[in-house]
């Protein structure tokens, strides 16, 4: 890990427990969407940091910060299994290819439906912040900018932090530092 990257990682816990983030102050009455962008090749380090350092660390803070973590890839798999579609999609992929499988998934994985599913899994009275992980693993089944738009109506006053393998410059998302994921103006960089 580079020193700059480690410094950025080590700023996350303070940011998650900051009054500004938790109360959404200064955001013009919009829900607080925050993005921690990082080099895609650091994905495994970010996962390890979240599980081994960040979550245990924020649980020990006073006052305690209560995050809900949603692994977007697991969310998609769970939804497909619940609807008895998982094996069918794998069969379509094997017989007809990725494009056909993706086309079959589109009606099922609409971002507003996924946003509602996320909201039903969260006890808003017991959560201070929502952390979204595994964005890269969920691509191309899920587009992050449209999920954020879908979450706008469901997250009430809770801030959302998306861990994003790519680049966010405050105006646009670039997944894996290569794929433009459209402009998204309603999010803030979590740390610089």
N, C-alpha and C. Protein backbone atom coordinates (compact mmCIF):
# COMPACT_ATOMS: atom_id res chain seq x y z
N UNK A 1 0.84 -1.19 0.00
CA UNK A 1 0.00 0.00 0.00
C UNK A 1 0.87 1.24 0.00
N UNK A 2 0.50 2.20 -0.81
CA UNK A 2 1.24 3.45 -0.80
C UNK A 2 0.88 4.24 0.44
N UNK A 3 1.78 5.12 0.85
CA UNK A 3 1.53 5.93 2.04
C UNK A 3 0.29 6.79 1.86
N UNK A 4 0.11 7.40 0.68
CA UNK A 4 -1.07 8.24 0.44
C UNK A 4 -2.35 7.44 0.58
N UNK A 5 -2.35 6.24 0.06
CA UNK A 5 -3.54 5.40 0.15
C UNK A 5 -3.82 5.03 1.60
N UNK A 6 -2.78 4.68 2.35
CA UNK A 6 -2.95 4.34 3.76
C UNK A 6 -3.48 5.55 4.54
N UNK A 7 -2.96 6.71 4.25
CA UNK A 7 -3.44 7.93 4.90
C UNK A 7 -4.93 8.13 4.63
N UNK A 8 -5.34 7.95 3.39
CA UNK A 8 -6.76 8.10 3.04
C UNK A 8 -7.61 7.07 3.77
N UNK A 9 -7.17 5.82 3.80
CA UNK A 9 -7.92 4.79 4.53
C UNK A 9 -8.07 5.16 6.00
N UNK A 10 -7.00 5.65 6.59
CA UNK A 10 -7.02 5.96 8.01
C UNK A 10 -7.86 7.19 8.36
N UNK A 11 -8.28 7.94 7.36
CA UNK A 11 -9.18 9.08 7.60
C UNK A 11 -10.65 8.67 7.63
N UNK A 12 -10.95 7.48 7.16
CA UNK A 12 -12.35 7.08 7.00
C UNK A 12 -13.10 7.03 8.33
N UNK A 13 -12.53 6.42 9.36
CA UNK A 13 -13.25 6.28 10.63
C UNK A 13 -13.60 7.64 11.21
N UNK A 14 -12.66 8.58 11.18
CA UNK A 14 -12.96 9.92 11.69
C UNK A 14 -14.08 10.56 10.88
N UNK A 15 -14.04 10.37 9.59
CA UNK A 15 -15.07 10.97 8.72
C UNK A 15 -16.44 10.35 8.99
N UNK A 16 -16.48 9.02 9.16
CA UNK A 16 -17.76 8.35 9.42
C UNK A 16 -18.37 8.78 10.75
N UNK A 17 -17.54 9.16 11.69
CA UNK A 17 -18.06 9.57 12.99
C UNK A 17 -18.20 11.08 13.12
N UNK A 18 -17.96 11.80 12.04
CA UNK A 18 -18.06 13.26 12.11
C UNK A 18 -19.51 13.72 12.15
N UNK A 19 -19.74 14.78 12.88
CA UNK A 19 -21.08 15.36 12.99
C UNK A 19 -21.60 15.78 11.62
N UNK A 20 -20.72 16.33 10.79
CA UNK A 20 -21.13 16.78 9.46
C UNK A 20 -21.72 15.62 8.65
N UNK A 21 -21.04 14.49 8.63
CA UNK A 21 -21.53 13.35 7.86
C UNK A 21 -22.79 12.76 8.47
N UNK A 22 -22.78 12.52 9.77
CA UNK A 22 -23.90 11.84 10.41
C UNK A 22 -25.18 12.66 10.44
N UNK A 23 -25.05 13.98 10.50
CA UNK A 23 -26.25 14.83 10.55
C UNK A 23 -26.60 15.42 9.20
N UNK A 24 -25.78 15.15 8.19
CA UNK A 24 -26.00 15.69 6.84
C UNK A 24 -26.04 17.21 6.82
N UNK A 25 -25.29 17.84 7.69
CA UNK A 25 -25.27 19.30 7.72
C UNK A 25 -24.59 19.86 6.48
N UNK A 26 -25.13 20.96 6.01
CA UNK A 26 -24.53 21.66 4.88
C UNK A 26 -24.76 21.01 3.54
N UNK A 27 -25.74 20.14 3.45
CA UNK A 27 -25.98 19.44 2.20
C UNK A 27 -27.24 19.92 1.48
N UNK A 28 -27.77 21.06 1.87
CA UNK A 28 -28.93 21.59 1.17
C UNK A 28 -30.14 20.68 1.29
N UNK A 29 -30.32 20.06 2.44
CA UNK A 29 -31.45 19.18 2.70
C UNK A 29 -31.49 17.93 1.83
N UNK A 30 -30.41 17.60 1.18
CA UNK A 30 -30.34 16.35 0.42
C UNK A 30 -29.71 15.29 1.30
N UNK A 31 -30.03 14.04 0.98
CA UNK A 31 -29.36 12.94 1.66
C UNK A 31 -27.87 13.02 1.37
N UNK A 32 -27.07 12.67 2.34
CA UNK A 32 -25.63 12.70 2.15
C UNK A 32 -25.13 11.46 1.45
N UNK A 33 -24.71 11.61 0.22
CA UNK A 33 -24.06 10.53 -0.51
C UNK A 33 -22.58 10.84 -0.54
N UNK A 34 -21.78 9.90 -0.09
CA UNK A 34 -20.34 10.07 -0.01
C UNK A 34 -19.68 8.93 -0.76
N UNK A 35 -18.60 9.22 -1.43
CA UNK A 35 -17.89 8.19 -2.20
C UNK A 35 -16.43 8.15 -1.77
N UNK A 36 -15.99 6.95 -1.40
CA UNK A 36 -14.57 6.71 -1.18
C UNK A 36 -14.06 6.00 -2.42
N UNK A 37 -13.39 6.76 -3.28
CA UNK A 37 -12.85 6.16 -4.50
C UNK A 37 -11.42 5.69 -4.23
N UNK A 38 -11.04 4.64 -4.92
CA UNK A 38 -9.72 4.06 -4.68
C UNK A 38 -9.26 3.32 -5.93
N UNK A 39 -7.95 3.10 -6.04
CA UNK A 39 -7.44 2.35 -7.19
C UNK A 39 -8.04 0.94 -7.21
N UNK A 40 -8.59 0.51 -8.32
CA UNK A 40 -9.24 -0.80 -8.38
C UNK A 40 -8.33 -1.95 -7.97
N UNK A 41 -7.04 -1.81 -8.22
CA UNK A 41 -6.12 -2.88 -7.85
C UNK A 41 -5.97 -3.02 -6.33
N UNK A 42 -6.54 -2.09 -5.58
CA UNK A 42 -6.50 -2.13 -4.11
C UNK A 42 -7.77 -2.73 -3.51
N UNK A 43 -8.61 -3.33 -4.34
CA UNK A 43 -9.90 -3.86 -3.88
C UNK A 43 -9.76 -4.78 -2.67
N UNK A 44 -8.86 -5.74 -2.72
CA UNK A 44 -8.73 -6.68 -1.62
C UNK A 44 -8.26 -5.99 -0.35
N UNK A 45 -7.41 -5.00 -0.48
CA UNK A 45 -6.96 -4.24 0.69
C UNK A 45 -8.12 -3.45 1.30
N UNK A 46 -8.96 -2.88 0.45
CA UNK A 46 -10.10 -2.12 0.96
C UNK A 46 -11.07 -3.05 1.69
N UNK A 47 -11.36 -4.19 1.11
CA UNK A 47 -12.24 -5.16 1.78
C UNK A 47 -11.70 -5.54 3.15
N UNK A 48 -10.42 -5.86 3.19
CA UNK A 48 -9.78 -6.24 4.45
C UNK A 48 -9.83 -5.09 5.45
N UNK A 49 -9.56 -3.89 4.99
CA UNK A 49 -9.60 -2.72 5.87
C UNK A 49 -11.00 -2.53 6.46
N UNK A 50 -12.01 -2.63 5.63
CA UNK A 50 -13.39 -2.45 6.12
C UNK A 50 -13.70 -3.48 7.20
N UNK A 51 -13.44 -4.76 6.92
CA UNK A 51 -13.79 -5.83 7.84
C UNK A 51 -12.92 -5.88 9.09
N UNK A 52 -11.62 -5.67 8.93
CA UNK A 52 -10.68 -5.89 10.03
C UNK A 52 -10.33 -4.65 10.83
N UNK A 53 -10.49 -3.48 10.23
CA UNK A 53 -10.07 -2.24 10.91
C UNK A 53 -11.25 -1.28 11.10
N UNK A 54 -11.91 -0.95 10.02
CA UNK A 54 -12.94 0.09 10.07
C UNK A 54 -14.13 -0.29 10.94
N UNK A 55 -14.77 -1.42 10.66
CA UNK A 55 -15.96 -1.80 11.41
C UNK A 55 -15.68 -2.01 12.90
N UNK A 56 -14.62 -2.75 13.26
CA UNK A 56 -14.32 -2.86 14.69
C UNK A 56 -13.97 -1.51 15.32
N UNK A 57 -13.31 -0.65 14.55
CA UNK A 57 -12.90 0.65 15.07
C UNK A 57 -14.06 1.58 15.36
N UNK A 58 -15.01 1.67 14.43
CA UNK A 58 -16.14 2.58 14.67
C UNK A 58 -17.06 2.06 15.77
N UNK A 59 -17.06 0.74 15.99
CA UNK A 59 -17.87 0.17 17.07
C UNK A 59 -17.34 0.55 18.45
N UNK A 60 -16.05 0.89 18.52
CA UNK A 60 -15.43 1.25 19.80
C UNK A 60 -15.46 2.74 20.08
N UNK A 61 -15.90 3.52 19.12
CA UNK A 61 -15.92 4.98 19.29
C UNK A 61 -17.05 5.39 20.22
N UNK A 62 -16.86 6.55 20.82
CA UNK A 62 -17.91 7.14 21.64
C UNK A 62 -18.28 8.48 21.06
N UNK A 63 -19.48 8.73 20.67
CA UNK A 63 -20.54 7.72 20.65
C UNK A 63 -20.30 6.71 19.53
N UNK A 64 -20.87 5.54 19.72
CA UNK A 64 -20.71 4.45 18.76
C UNK A 64 -21.36 4.83 17.44
N UNK A 65 -20.68 4.55 16.35
CA UNK A 65 -21.26 4.72 15.01
C UNK A 65 -21.77 3.35 14.57
N UNK A 66 -23.03 3.30 14.19
CA UNK A 66 -23.66 2.03 13.82
C UNK A 66 -23.86 1.96 12.30
N UNK A 67 -22.90 1.33 11.61
CA UNK A 67 -23.04 1.20 10.15
C UNK A 67 -23.83 -0.05 9.77
N UNK A 68 -24.51 0.03 8.66
CA UNK A 68 -25.06 -1.15 7.99
C UNK A 68 -24.23 -1.32 6.73
N UNK A 69 -23.76 -2.53 6.49
CA UNK A 69 -22.92 -2.80 5.33
C UNK A 69 -23.72 -3.64 4.34
N UNK A 70 -23.78 -3.18 3.10
CA UNK A 70 -24.45 -3.94 2.05
C UNK A 70 -23.43 -4.26 0.96
N UNK A 71 -23.18 -5.54 0.80
CA UNK A 71 -22.33 -6.05 -0.26
C UNK A 71 -23.23 -6.15 -1.50
N UNK A 72 -23.01 -5.29 -2.48
CA UNK A 72 -23.90 -5.21 -3.63
C UNK A 72 -23.93 -6.49 -4.45
N UNK A 73 -22.81 -7.17 -4.55
CA UNK A 73 -22.79 -8.43 -5.29
C UNK A 73 -23.65 -9.47 -4.59
N UNK A 74 -23.51 -9.60 -3.26
CA UNK A 74 -24.33 -10.54 -2.51
C UNK A 74 -25.81 -10.16 -2.57
N UNK A 75 -26.10 -8.88 -2.57
CA UNK A 75 -27.48 -8.41 -2.69
C UNK A 75 -28.11 -8.93 -3.99
N UNK A 76 -27.37 -8.84 -5.08
CA UNK A 76 -27.86 -9.31 -6.38
C UNK A 76 -28.07 -10.82 -6.36
N UNK A 77 -27.09 -11.56 -5.85
CA UNK A 77 -27.20 -13.03 -5.80
C UNK A 77 -28.39 -13.43 -4.93
N UNK A 78 -28.54 -12.80 -3.76
CA UNK A 78 -29.67 -13.12 -2.88
C UNK A 78 -31.01 -12.86 -3.56
N UNK A 79 -31.10 -11.75 -4.26
CA UNK A 79 -32.34 -11.42 -4.96
C UNK A 79 -32.65 -12.47 -6.03
N UNK A 80 -31.64 -12.86 -6.80
CA UNK A 80 -31.85 -13.88 -7.83
C UNK A 80 -32.24 -15.22 -7.22
N UNK A 81 -31.61 -15.59 -6.12
CA UNK A 81 -31.95 -16.85 -5.46
C UNK A 81 -33.36 -16.79 -4.88
N UNK A 82 -33.72 -15.68 -4.25
CA UNK A 82 -35.07 -15.53 -3.69
C UNK A 82 -36.15 -15.68 -4.76
N UNK A 83 -35.85 -15.19 -5.94
CA UNK A 83 -36.83 -15.24 -7.04
C UNK A 83 -36.65 -16.49 -7.91
N UNK A 84 -35.80 -17.41 -7.44
CA UNK A 84 -35.55 -18.68 -8.15
C UNK A 84 -35.04 -18.45 -9.58
N UNK A 85 -34.21 -17.42 -9.75
CA UNK A 85 -33.71 -17.07 -11.08
C UNK A 85 -32.21 -17.32 -11.25
N UNK A 86 -31.52 -17.58 -10.17
CA UNK A 86 -30.06 -17.69 -10.22
C UNK A 86 -29.60 -18.76 -11.22
N UNK A 87 -30.10 -19.98 -11.07
CA UNK A 87 -29.69 -21.06 -11.97
C UNK A 87 -30.13 -20.79 -13.41
N UNK A 88 -31.29 -20.18 -13.56
CA UNK A 88 -31.78 -19.87 -14.90
C UNK A 88 -30.86 -18.87 -15.62
N UNK A 89 -30.41 -17.86 -14.88
CA UNK A 89 -29.51 -16.86 -15.47
C UNK A 89 -28.17 -17.51 -15.83
N UNK A 90 -27.67 -18.38 -14.97
CA UNK A 90 -26.42 -19.09 -15.30
C UNK A 90 -26.58 -19.95 -16.55
N UNK A 91 -27.74 -20.56 -16.69
CA UNK A 91 -28.02 -21.38 -17.87
C UNK A 91 -28.07 -20.51 -19.13
N UNK A 92 -28.73 -19.37 -19.04
CA UNK A 92 -28.77 -18.44 -20.18
C UNK A 92 -27.37 -17.99 -20.55
N UNK A 93 -26.57 -17.67 -19.54
CA UNK A 93 -25.20 -17.23 -19.81
C UNK A 93 -24.40 -18.32 -20.51
N UNK A 94 -24.52 -19.55 -20.03
CA UNK A 94 -23.77 -20.66 -20.62
C UNK A 94 -24.20 -20.94 -22.06
N UNK A 95 -25.49 -20.84 -22.34
CA UNK A 95 -26.01 -21.19 -23.66
C UNK A 95 -26.01 -20.04 -24.65
N UNK A 96 -26.25 -18.82 -24.15
CA UNK A 96 -26.44 -17.69 -25.07
C UNK A 96 -25.43 -16.56 -24.89
N UNK A 97 -24.64 -16.62 -23.83
CA UNK A 97 -23.61 -15.61 -23.63
C UNK A 97 -23.97 -14.53 -22.63
N UNK A 98 -22.97 -13.69 -22.35
CA UNK A 98 -23.10 -12.64 -21.34
C UNK A 98 -24.17 -11.61 -21.69
N UNK A 99 -24.22 -11.19 -22.94
CA UNK A 99 -25.17 -10.14 -23.34
C UNK A 99 -26.61 -10.58 -23.11
N UNK A 100 -26.93 -11.82 -23.45
CA UNK A 100 -28.29 -12.34 -23.23
C UNK A 100 -28.60 -12.46 -21.74
N UNK A 101 -27.62 -12.92 -20.97
CA UNK A 101 -27.83 -13.04 -19.52
C UNK A 101 -28.07 -11.67 -18.91
N UNK A 102 -27.29 -10.70 -19.33
CA UNK A 102 -27.46 -9.34 -18.82
C UNK A 102 -28.82 -8.77 -19.21
N UNK A 103 -29.25 -9.02 -20.43
CA UNK A 103 -30.57 -8.56 -20.87
C UNK A 103 -31.68 -9.20 -20.04
N UNK A 104 -31.51 -10.46 -19.68
CA UNK A 104 -32.50 -11.15 -18.85
C UNK A 104 -32.53 -10.59 -17.43
N UNK A 105 -31.39 -10.10 -16.96
CA UNK A 105 -31.31 -9.56 -15.60
C UNK A 105 -31.89 -8.15 -15.47
N UNK A 106 -31.83 -7.37 -16.51
CA UNK A 106 -32.21 -5.95 -16.44
C UNK A 106 -33.57 -5.70 -15.78
N UNK A 107 -34.64 -6.41 -16.18
CA UNK A 107 -35.94 -6.12 -15.54
C UNK A 107 -35.96 -6.49 -14.05
N UNK A 108 -35.19 -7.48 -13.68
CA UNK A 108 -35.17 -7.95 -12.29
C UNK A 108 -34.32 -7.04 -11.41
N UNK A 109 -33.24 -6.52 -11.97
CA UNK A 109 -32.27 -5.75 -11.19
C UNK A 109 -32.41 -4.25 -11.40
N UNK A 110 -33.61 -3.78 -11.55
CA UNK A 110 -33.82 -2.34 -11.66
C UNK A 110 -33.35 -1.69 -10.37
N UNK A 111 -32.67 -0.58 -10.50
CA UNK A 111 -32.03 0.06 -9.36
C UNK A 111 -33.03 0.50 -8.30
N UNK A 112 -34.24 0.93 -8.70
CA UNK A 112 -35.22 1.32 -7.70
C UNK A 112 -35.67 0.12 -6.87
N UNK A 113 -35.76 -1.06 -7.50
CA UNK A 113 -36.12 -2.27 -6.77
C UNK A 113 -34.99 -2.66 -5.81
N UNK A 114 -33.75 -2.54 -6.27
CA UNK A 114 -32.62 -2.85 -5.39
C UNK A 114 -32.55 -1.86 -4.23
N UNK A 115 -32.83 -0.60 -4.50
CA UNK A 115 -32.84 0.40 -3.44
C UNK A 115 -33.90 0.07 -2.40
N UNK A 116 -35.08 -0.33 -2.85
CA UNK A 116 -36.14 -0.73 -1.92
C UNK A 116 -35.72 -1.95 -1.12
N UNK A 117 -35.07 -2.90 -1.77
CA UNK A 117 -34.61 -4.11 -1.07
C UNK A 117 -33.58 -3.75 0.01
N UNK A 118 -32.67 -2.85 -0.33
CA UNK A 118 -31.70 -2.39 0.67
C UNK A 118 -32.43 -1.76 1.84
N UNK A 119 -33.40 -0.90 1.55
CA UNK A 119 -34.13 -0.20 2.62
C UNK A 119 -34.90 -1.16 3.51
N UNK A 120 -35.42 -2.25 2.95
CA UNK A 120 -36.16 -3.21 3.78
C UNK A 120 -35.24 -4.01 4.69
N UNK A 121 -33.96 -4.07 4.35
CA UNK A 121 -33.01 -4.82 5.17
C UNK A 121 -32.44 -3.98 6.32
N UNK A 122 -32.75 -2.70 6.33
CA UNK A 122 -32.16 -1.79 7.31
C UNK A 122 -33.19 -1.37 8.34
N UNK A 123 -32.83 -1.48 9.60
CA UNK A 123 -33.64 -0.91 10.67
C UNK A 123 -33.11 0.50 10.89
N UNK A 124 -33.79 1.47 10.30
CA UNK A 124 -33.30 2.85 10.30
C UNK A 124 -33.08 3.40 11.71
N UNK A 125 -33.79 2.87 12.70
CA UNK A 125 -33.59 3.33 14.07
C UNK A 125 -32.30 2.80 14.68
N UNK A 126 -31.72 1.77 14.07
CA UNK A 126 -30.51 1.15 14.61
C UNK A 126 -29.27 1.40 13.75
N UNK A 127 -29.39 2.25 12.75
CA UNK A 127 -28.29 2.48 11.81
C UNK A 127 -28.01 3.97 11.69
N UNK A 128 -26.72 4.32 11.68
CA UNK A 128 -26.31 5.71 11.50
C UNK A 128 -25.87 6.00 10.07
N UNK A 129 -25.31 5.01 9.40
CA UNK A 129 -24.76 5.21 8.06
C UNK A 129 -24.80 3.89 7.29
N UNK A 130 -25.06 3.98 5.99
CA UNK A 130 -25.07 2.81 5.12
C UNK A 130 -23.77 2.78 4.33
N UNK A 131 -23.08 1.64 4.37
CA UNK A 131 -21.85 1.45 3.60
C UNK A 131 -22.13 0.46 2.47
N UNK A 132 -21.88 0.88 1.24
CA UNK A 132 -22.07 0.03 0.06
C UNK A 132 -20.72 -0.46 -0.42
N UNK A 133 -20.57 -1.78 -0.51
CA UNK A 133 -19.30 -2.38 -0.93
C UNK A 133 -19.52 -3.27 -2.15
N UNK A 134 -18.42 -3.71 -2.75
CA UNK A 134 -18.39 -4.64 -3.89
C UNK A 134 -19.08 -4.08 -5.13
N UNK A 135 -18.90 -2.78 -5.35
CA UNK A 135 -19.44 -2.12 -6.54
C UNK A 135 -18.87 -2.76 -7.80
N UNK A 136 -17.58 -3.00 -7.81
CA UNK A 136 -16.94 -3.57 -9.00
C UNK A 136 -17.45 -4.97 -9.31
N UNK A 137 -17.68 -5.78 -8.29
CA UNK A 137 -18.17 -7.14 -8.51
C UNK A 137 -19.59 -7.14 -9.06
N UNK A 138 -20.36 -6.11 -8.75
CA UNK A 138 -21.75 -6.03 -9.20
C UNK A 138 -21.88 -5.52 -10.63
N UNK A 139 -20.80 -4.97 -11.19
CA UNK A 139 -20.83 -4.47 -12.56
C UNK A 139 -20.69 -5.63 -13.54
N UNK A 140 -21.41 -5.68 -14.64
CA UNK A 140 -22.31 -4.68 -15.21
C UNK A 140 -23.78 -4.88 -14.85
N UNK A 141 -24.04 -5.77 -13.89
CA UNK A 141 -25.43 -6.03 -13.52
C UNK A 141 -26.08 -4.82 -12.87
N UNK A 142 -25.26 -3.99 -12.26
CA UNK A 142 -25.75 -2.83 -11.53
C UNK A 142 -24.88 -1.63 -11.86
N UNK A 143 -25.51 -0.52 -12.13
CA UNK A 143 -24.80 0.74 -12.38
C UNK A 143 -24.89 1.58 -11.12
N UNK A 144 -23.76 1.95 -10.58
CA UNK A 144 -23.73 2.62 -9.29
C UNK A 144 -24.44 3.96 -9.28
N UNK A 145 -24.32 4.76 -10.34
CA UNK A 145 -24.96 6.08 -10.31
C UNK A 145 -26.48 5.96 -10.29
N UNK A 146 -27.03 4.94 -10.94
CA UNK A 146 -28.49 4.80 -10.91
C UNK A 146 -28.96 4.21 -9.58
N UNK A 147 -28.14 3.38 -8.95
CA UNK A 147 -28.49 2.91 -7.61
C UNK A 147 -28.54 4.07 -6.63
N UNK A 148 -27.54 4.95 -6.69
CA UNK A 148 -27.55 6.12 -5.81
C UNK A 148 -28.81 6.96 -6.05
N UNK A 149 -29.19 7.13 -7.29
CA UNK A 149 -30.41 7.88 -7.59
C UNK A 149 -31.63 7.16 -7.01
N UNK A 150 -31.65 5.84 -7.09
CA UNK A 150 -32.75 5.07 -6.51
C UNK A 150 -32.80 5.15 -5.00
N UNK A 151 -31.65 5.25 -4.37
CA UNK A 151 -31.59 5.34 -2.91
C UNK A 151 -32.05 6.70 -2.39
N UNK A 152 -32.05 7.69 -3.24
CA UNK A 152 -32.44 9.05 -2.83
C UNK A 152 -33.78 9.04 -2.09
N UNK A 153 -34.74 8.28 -2.60
CA UNK A 153 -36.09 8.28 -2.03
C UNK A 153 -36.23 7.35 -0.83
N UNK A 154 -35.30 6.42 -0.64
CA UNK A 154 -35.51 5.40 0.39
C UNK A 154 -34.67 5.56 1.65
N UNK A 155 -33.63 6.37 1.61
CA UNK A 155 -32.68 6.40 2.73
C UNK A 155 -33.04 7.36 3.85
N UNK A 156 -34.12 8.08 3.71
CA UNK A 156 -34.57 9.01 4.74
C UNK A 156 -33.44 9.99 5.04
N UNK A 157 -33.03 10.08 6.30
CA UNK A 157 -31.99 11.05 6.67
C UNK A 157 -30.63 10.39 6.91
N UNK A 158 -30.47 9.16 6.46
CA UNK A 158 -29.23 8.43 6.71
C UNK A 158 -28.22 8.65 5.58
N UNK A 159 -26.98 8.95 5.93
CA UNK A 159 -25.95 9.09 4.90
C UNK A 159 -25.56 7.74 4.31
N UNK A 160 -25.10 7.78 3.07
CA UNK A 160 -24.68 6.59 2.34
C UNK A 160 -23.23 6.80 1.91
N UNK A 161 -22.39 5.80 2.18
CA UNK A 161 -21.00 5.82 1.73
C UNK A 161 -20.80 4.66 0.77
N UNK A 162 -20.37 4.97 -0.43
CA UNK A 162 -20.08 3.94 -1.43
C UNK A 162 -18.57 3.80 -1.58
N UNK A 163 -18.08 2.58 -1.42
CA UNK A 163 -16.67 2.29 -1.66
C UNK A 163 -16.56 1.93 -3.14
N UNK A 164 -15.82 2.77 -3.88
CA UNK A 164 -15.88 2.77 -5.33
C UNK A 164 -14.51 2.50 -5.96
N UNK A 165 -14.36 1.34 -6.62
CA UNK A 165 -13.08 1.01 -7.26
C UNK A 165 -12.92 1.75 -8.58
N UNK A 166 -12.41 2.92 -8.48
CA UNK A 166 -12.25 3.77 -9.66
C UNK A 166 -12.02 5.19 -9.21
N UNK A 167 -12.55 6.13 -9.97
CA UNK A 167 -12.29 7.54 -9.70
C UNK A 167 -13.59 8.33 -9.66
N UNK A 168 -13.70 9.17 -8.64
CA UNK A 168 -14.80 10.13 -8.57
C UNK A 168 -14.19 11.50 -8.39
N UNK A 169 -14.47 12.40 -9.31
CA UNK A 169 -13.88 13.74 -9.27
C UNK A 169 -14.84 14.80 -8.77
N UNK A 170 -15.97 14.38 -8.22
CA UNK A 170 -16.97 15.32 -7.76
C UNK A 170 -18.06 15.57 -8.79
N UNK A 171 -17.84 15.10 -10.01
CA UNK A 171 -18.81 15.30 -11.08
C UNK A 171 -19.16 14.00 -11.81
N UNK A 172 -18.19 13.13 -11.95
CA UNK A 172 -18.45 11.90 -12.70
C UNK A 172 -17.72 10.73 -12.05
N UNK A 173 -18.30 9.55 -12.27
CA UNK A 173 -17.74 8.31 -11.78
C UNK A 173 -17.05 7.59 -12.93
N UNK A 174 -15.90 7.01 -12.64
CA UNK A 174 -15.15 6.28 -13.65
C UNK A 174 -14.76 4.93 -13.05
N UNK A 175 -15.61 3.92 -13.29
CA UNK A 175 -15.41 2.60 -12.71
C UNK A 175 -14.14 1.97 -13.27
N UNK A 176 -13.34 1.41 -12.39
CA UNK A 176 -12.05 0.78 -12.73
C UNK A 176 -11.10 1.77 -13.40
N UNK A 177 -11.33 3.06 -13.23
CA UNK A 177 -10.57 4.14 -13.86
C UNK A 177 -10.67 4.10 -15.38
N UNK A 178 -11.63 3.38 -15.91
CA UNK A 178 -11.77 3.22 -17.36
C UNK A 178 -13.17 3.51 -17.86
N UNK A 179 -14.16 2.96 -17.19
CA UNK A 179 -15.54 3.01 -17.68
C UNK A 179 -16.28 4.21 -17.11
N UNK A 180 -16.74 5.08 -17.97
CA UNK A 180 -17.53 6.22 -17.51
C UNK A 180 -18.88 5.69 -17.06
N UNK A 181 -19.28 6.05 -15.84
CA UNK A 181 -20.54 5.60 -15.27
C UNK A 181 -21.51 6.76 -15.18
N UNK A 182 -21.43 7.67 -16.12
CA UNK A 182 -22.29 8.85 -16.21
C UNK A 182 -21.97 9.85 -15.11
N UNK A 183 -22.48 11.04 -15.31
CA UNK A 183 -22.26 12.10 -14.34
C UNK A 183 -23.12 11.88 -13.11
N UNK A 184 -22.55 12.19 -11.96
CA UNK A 184 -23.31 12.11 -10.73
C UNK A 184 -22.87 13.27 -9.86
N UNK A 185 -23.76 14.22 -9.67
CA UNK A 185 -23.40 15.47 -9.01
C UNK A 185 -23.82 15.54 -7.56
N UNK A 186 -24.51 14.56 -7.07
CA UNK A 186 -25.07 14.66 -5.72
C UNK A 186 -24.22 13.99 -4.66
N UNK A 187 -23.07 13.52 -5.00
CA UNK A 187 -22.22 12.85 -4.03
C UNK A 187 -21.00 13.72 -3.72
N UNK A 188 -20.43 13.45 -2.56
CA UNK A 188 -19.24 14.16 -2.11
C UNK A 188 -18.13 13.13 -1.90
N UNK A 189 -16.90 13.54 -2.12
CA UNK A 189 -15.78 12.65 -1.82
C UNK A 189 -15.68 12.51 -0.31
N UNK A 190 -15.54 11.28 0.15
CA UNK A 190 -15.50 11.03 1.59
C UNK A 190 -14.25 11.63 2.20
N UNK A 191 -13.10 11.34 1.62
CA UNK A 191 -11.83 11.91 2.07
C UNK A 191 -10.98 12.21 0.85
N UNK A 192 -10.10 13.19 0.99
CA UNK A 192 -9.17 13.49 -0.11
C UNK A 192 -7.86 12.77 0.08
